[in-house]
Amino acid sequence: MAETSNSSIRMSDVVSALSVALDLTEGQPMGHAIRSCFIGMRIAKELRLPAKDCADLYYALLLKDSGCSSNSARLHGILGSDDIQAKREVKFQDWTRMSLPGLRYLLRNTMPGAHWFDKFKRIVQVGLHQSENNAALIGTRCERGAEIARKIGMSERTALAIRSLDEHWNGGGYPEGRAGDHIPLLSRIMNVSQTLEVFASEYDPEAAIRAVSQRSGKWFDPEMVNVARSLLKEEKLWQQMKSKDVRSLVMGMEPGTAVPASPERIDSICQAFAEVIDAKSPYTFNHSLGVANASVAIAEALALAPIMITTIRRAALLHDIGKLSVSNAILEKPGKLTDSEWEVMKMHPVYSRQILKSISGFENLAFIAAAHHERLDGKGYPEGLKANQLPLAARVIAVADVYQALTEKRPYRDGLSQDVVMKMLHEDVPARLDAQCVAALQRAKVSAPRELVQAATAR
């Protein structure tokens, strides 16, 4: 099951596929960023943007939500509820002002199930600190999104467009309160495009145009809204936006010559998205990086071929990408998960495989990444695969994942010592874990990733 040559993998293929994971943590239907890109590039065509601007806009649209996981824990802490549901619903709210729909939003999304008095106190606190909370939540998201774009190697204009995504035409947005033409043009296009997509997908194109028209001159550049109105009668546009082929259509819209994803660029993307994944919760800080580090150490101790080690490292970095679909209410729950919560948790490797296998040449990588919760005795999830169905690469990552998780602090326990962890791993052989992989981990000198060392030094 060899991987496709890196030279045949397109940047648009990798980025558009991984953008689906960002949709999950924003509470949006899978493909939201792709559909937003489809609309945004059509607006750019109407505006007759130069090719260079279109290229910068294209990747900004696909990566617009790359900072979205960085504020999930804080939002969960503010509302005391499901951050993903709260993010989904807020897309339909004008959160810049107090209103009856806004109050209903808070009633639904603040401490669900709590006593009415506790809920009321929390809502009052949210109201009193609304401006402060908005600045922190959106500012963190915007800054982190721009940083991720830079790490992937995108242009500075792409990064700045992402940073200013939530600025509003009237100066009431974030992170800098820019107004009018001081907001980058690409950001103005993106803001309108994503709102059109949200309302068109949930309702219809007419509802989408009404939504942006109502906020024209407030949230949105009136010129962008006028362009959007001109597209209303193009039935084919909206049909294509909702079609199953929209990702292929968007890949075909990449400006200029298709950009190949070099091995170095793929590594940068995997590293950057690992950071997006780990930012979801303070309890997963550097988890993906740690699993990759341990996986490589095991693979090297087993003397695996360099090409396989590369695949294992990338798969380990991305193994939990589907966990962006899990709310922090579950990830940070100090007690036992309910049956329904556990079912949500068990879906994350399913999403990981679905997202990764859509990239040409990543089929094998997707399989081994998604198998990290399978057991050799067939009692794992999501597919209940048995030993003869789990290749060595998958077994390597499974051992590394358990090792890293046990060394980390969780809501219900502190991180365990190296000796205790190794004892527990040996006890899981052979029912759960592969004996030679555990032995290889024992032999290997697993050092903390550079990011972990730097963080520890800072503390």
Foldseek 3Di string as FASTA:
>chain_A
DAFDDLQPFFPLLQLLLLLQLLCLLLLHHRCLLLLLLLQLLVLCVVVVPDLVVNLLLNSLSSLLQLLVLLCQVVCCVLQVFFSNVLSLVCLLPPLLDDDPVVVVSSVVRHNPPDDPVVSVVSVVVCVVCVVVSQLVRLQSRLQLSLVLCVLLPRDNSSSLLSNLLQAFQCQSTDDRSDHHPVRDPSSLSSNLSSQQSSQCVVPRNVRSLVVVVVCDNPRHPVVSSVSSVVCSPVVVSSVLSPDPCSSVVSQVSNRDDGHRQDLVSLVSNLQSLLCSQQSNDPQSNCLLVQLLLLLLLLCVLVVHDPSLNSLLSSLSSQLQSLVSNQGVSLQQPQDDDDPVNVVSVLCSLVSQLVSQCSGRRCNVSSVLSSCLQEFQQQPGDDGSDHVVVHDPSSLSSNLSSQLSSQQTCGNHGHRDDPVVSLVVSVVSPPGGHDPSSSVSSVVGDRDRPPVVVVVVVVD
